[in-house]
Protein backbone atom coordinates (compact mmCIF):
# COMPACT_ATOMS: atom_id res chain seq x y z
CA UNK A 1 3.00 24.70 37.74
CA UNK A 2 6.12 26.31 38.95
CA UNK A 3 6.92 29.97 38.63
CA UNK A 4 7.68 33.10 40.56
CA UNK A 5 5.18 35.20 42.46
CA UNK A 6 6.83 38.32 41.03
CA UNK A 7 6.84 37.68 37.28
CA UNK A 8 4.56 38.95 34.51
CA UNK A 9 2.69 35.65 34.24
CA UNK A 10 1.68 35.88 37.88
CA UNK A 11 0.57 39.48 37.38
CA UNK A 12 -1.64 38.46 34.45
CA UNK A 13 -2.99 35.49 36.42
CA UNK A 14 -3.80 37.81 39.33
CA UNK A 15 -5.77 40.11 37.02
CA UNK A 16 -7.78 37.10 35.85
CA UNK A 17 -8.26 36.09 39.50
CA UNK A 18 -9.81 39.49 40.20
CA UNK A 19 -12.02 39.27 37.08
CA UNK A 20 -13.25 35.85 38.14
CA UNK A 21 -13.85 36.89 41.73
CA UNK A 22 -16.33 39.64 42.58
CA UNK A 23 -16.34 41.04 39.04
CA UNK A 24 -17.41 37.60 37.86
CA UNK A 25 -20.74 38.34 39.52
CA UNK A 26 -20.93 42.10 38.93
CA UNK A 27 -20.53 41.92 35.13
CA UNK A 28 -23.53 39.58 34.61
CA UNK A 29 -25.67 41.76 36.89
CA UNK A 30 -24.69 44.84 34.85
CA UNK A 31 -25.57 42.93 31.68
CA UNK A 32 -28.95 42.04 33.23
CA UNK A 33 -29.59 45.70 34.00
CA UNK A 34 -28.65 46.85 30.51
CA UNK A 35 -30.86 44.19 28.92
CA UNK A 36 -33.79 45.25 31.12
CA UNK A 37 -33.29 48.91 30.16
CA UNK A 38 -33.64 47.87 26.52
CA UNK A 39 -36.77 45.84 27.27
CA UNK A 40 -35.06 42.48 26.94
CA UNK A 41 -36.17 41.08 30.29
CA UNK A 42 -36.28 37.52 28.92
CA UNK A 43 -32.60 37.66 28.04
CA UNK A 44 -31.86 39.27 31.40
CA UNK A 45 -33.65 36.41 33.14
CA UNK A 46 -31.54 33.89 31.21
CA UNK A 47 -28.32 35.74 32.09
CA UNK A 48 -29.31 35.84 35.77
CA UNK A 49 -30.28 32.16 35.85
CA UNK A 50 -27.10 31.00 34.12
CA UNK A 51 -24.65 33.21 36.01
CA UNK A 52 -26.11 33.55 39.49
CA UNK A 53 -28.67 30.84 40.13
CA UNK A 54 -26.73 28.07 38.38
CA UNK A 55 -23.63 28.96 40.38
CA UNK A 56 -25.61 28.62 43.61
CA UNK A 57 -27.44 25.45 42.51
CA UNK A 58 -24.53 23.65 40.81
CA UNK A 59 -21.13 24.86 42.06
CA UNK A 60 -21.76 25.45 45.76
CA UNK A 61 -23.42 22.06 46.41
CA UNK A 62 -20.66 20.27 44.46
CA UNK A 63 -18.00 22.05 46.51
CA UNK A 64 -19.74 20.97 49.72
CA UNK A 65 -20.29 17.41 48.50
CA UNK A 66 -16.78 16.74 47.19
CA UNK A 67 -14.91 18.92 49.73
CA UNK A 68 -11.61 18.53 47.90
CA UNK A 69 -8.67 20.38 49.47
CA UNK A 70 -6.88 23.01 47.44
CA UNK A 71 -3.23 22.78 46.41
CA UNK A 72 -0.85 23.75 49.21
CA UNK A 73 0.20 27.37 49.58
CA UNK A 74 -2.08 29.22 47.13
CA UNK A 75 -0.77 32.58 45.96
CA UNK A 76 -4.17 34.28 46.24
CA UNK A 77 -6.91 34.39 48.84
CA UNK A 78 -9.21 31.36 48.44
CA UNK A 79 -12.10 29.80 50.31
CA UNK A 80 -12.71 26.16 51.13
CA UNK A 81 -13.37 23.58 48.47
CA UNK A 82 -11.39 23.31 45.29
CA UNK A 83 -13.70 21.15 43.14
CA UNK A 84 -15.18 22.44 40.83
CA UNK A 85 -13.70 25.83 40.00
CA UNK A 86 -16.33 28.50 40.58
CA UNK A 87 -14.28 31.10 38.74
CA UNK A 88 -13.99 28.96 35.63
CA UNK A 89 -17.71 28.16 35.87
CA UNK A 90 -18.45 31.90 36.02
CA UNK A 91 -16.14 32.61 33.08
CA UNK A 92 -17.86 29.96 30.98
CA UNK A 93 -21.31 31.19 31.97
CA UNK A 94 -20.50 34.83 31.17
CA UNK A 95 -18.98 34.01 27.78
CA UNK A 96 -21.83 31.64 26.94
CA UNK A 97 -24.72 33.97 27.81
CA UNK A 98 -23.01 36.91 26.13
CA UNK A 99 -22.84 34.85 22.93
CA UNK A 100 -26.51 33.92 23.16
CA UNK A 101 -28.00 37.30 24.08
CA UNK A 102 -25.64 39.78 22.42
CA UNK A 103 -24.65 38.25 19.11
CA UNK A 104 -26.66 36.98 16.15
CA UNK A 105 -25.94 33.34 15.28
CA UNK A 106 -23.63 34.17 12.35
CA UNK A 107 -21.42 36.43 14.48
CA UNK A 108 -21.11 33.96 17.37
CA UNK A 109 -18.29 31.92 15.88
CA UNK A 110 -15.84 34.74 16.56
CA UNK A 111 -17.19 35.19 20.06
CA UNK A 112 -16.82 31.45 20.71
CA UNK A 113 -13.11 31.75 19.83
CA UNK A 114 -12.66 34.72 22.17
CA UNK A 115 -14.71 33.03 24.90
CA UNK A 116 -12.73 29.81 24.64
CA UNK A 117 -9.45 31.73 24.88
CA UNK A 118 -10.75 33.58 27.96
CA UNK A 119 -11.88 30.37 29.65
CA UNK A 120 -8.58 28.60 28.91
CA UNK A 121 -6.71 31.61 30.30
CA UNK A 122 -8.87 31.48 33.44
CA UNK A 123 -8.15 27.75 33.81
CA UNK A 124 -4.43 28.42 33.45
CA UNK A 125 -4.64 31.30 35.93
CA UNK A 126 -6.30 29.21 38.64
CA UNK A 127 -3.70 26.49 38.24
CA UNK A 128 -0.74 28.91 37.98
CA UNK A 129 -1.77 30.65 41.20
CA UNK A 130 -1.93 27.30 43.01
CA UNK A 131 -5.59 28.03 43.77
CA UNK A 132 -6.95 24.88 42.12
CA UNK A 133 -5.94 21.62 40.56
CA UNK A 134 -6.17 21.42 36.78
CA UNK A 135 -8.94 18.81 37.08
CA UNK A 136 -10.97 21.29 39.18
CA UNK A 137 -10.82 23.83 36.38
CA UNK A 138 -11.96 21.26 33.80
CA UNK A 139 -14.83 20.30 36.08
CA UNK A 140 -15.81 23.97 36.42
CA UNK A 141 -15.73 24.42 32.64
CA UNK A 142 -17.81 21.30 31.99
CA UNK A 143 -20.32 22.23 34.69
CA UNK A 144 -20.60 25.72 33.21
CA UNK A 145 -21.17 24.48 29.67
CA UNK A 146 -23.69 21.89 30.87
CA UNK A 147 -25.66 24.36 32.98
CA UNK A 148 -25.70 27.01 30.24
CA UNK A 149 -26.79 24.55 27.55
CA UNK A 150 -29.57 23.20 29.75
CA UNK A 151 -30.78 26.69 30.64
CA UNK A 152 -30.53 27.82 27.00
CA UNK A 153 -32.81 24.95 26.06
CA UNK A 154 -35.25 25.86 28.85
CA UNK A 155 -35.24 29.56 27.94
CA UNK A 156 -35.37 28.97 24.18
CA UNK A 157 -39.12 29.75 23.82
CA UNK A 158 -38.73 33.02 25.73
CA UNK A 159 -35.62 34.03 23.80
CA UNK A 160 -37.30 33.17 20.49
CA UNK A 161 -40.31 35.32 21.38
CA UNK A 162 -37.99 38.16 22.31
CA UNK A 163 -36.07 37.84 19.03
CA UNK A 164 -39.31 37.93 17.04
CA UNK A 165 -40.50 41.03 18.91
CA UNK A 166 -37.15 42.70 18.40
CA UNK A 167 -37.27 41.99 14.66
CA UNK A 168 -40.81 43.41 14.51
CA UNK A 169 -39.75 46.45 16.56
CA UNK A 170 -42.46 45.70 19.13
CA UNK A 171 -40.33 44.70 22.11
CA UNK A 172 -42.16 46.96 24.56
CA UNK A 173 -45.63 45.66 23.67
């Protein structure tokens, strides 16, 4: 991608870079805290596993194993290892767990559209800022979807129990 470091597209991409950086970890932790306050510790555990633990277990080892160099002259501060994109992985994980724990199944279709648009924007942002190759962003998205689906399947009994208790208004019992 070729553009200017001083145009509106770069400004928008930089905002997404900040959202995917430290805020990409802070927002899931806030969501965990809010869920715990409302007695939904099972959902909070799922959010933590998908957003924090999966990032450590999936993304960091892949970055070390592949050790792919980043594009030359990135426009933002980056660390080593381009493959897979940790920021895209985090965006996918946040959108995925929010859909699962915050929305009933019938309302999720609209969230999936928003989440997909956010993830695609994050993928564009990482490429626009010369922080990652486009293939790195696709790998981050696929790793995020795979990890979240696997964890959703593992946490399904806990989440189902929580949904039943919520419906019966006995969450705290």
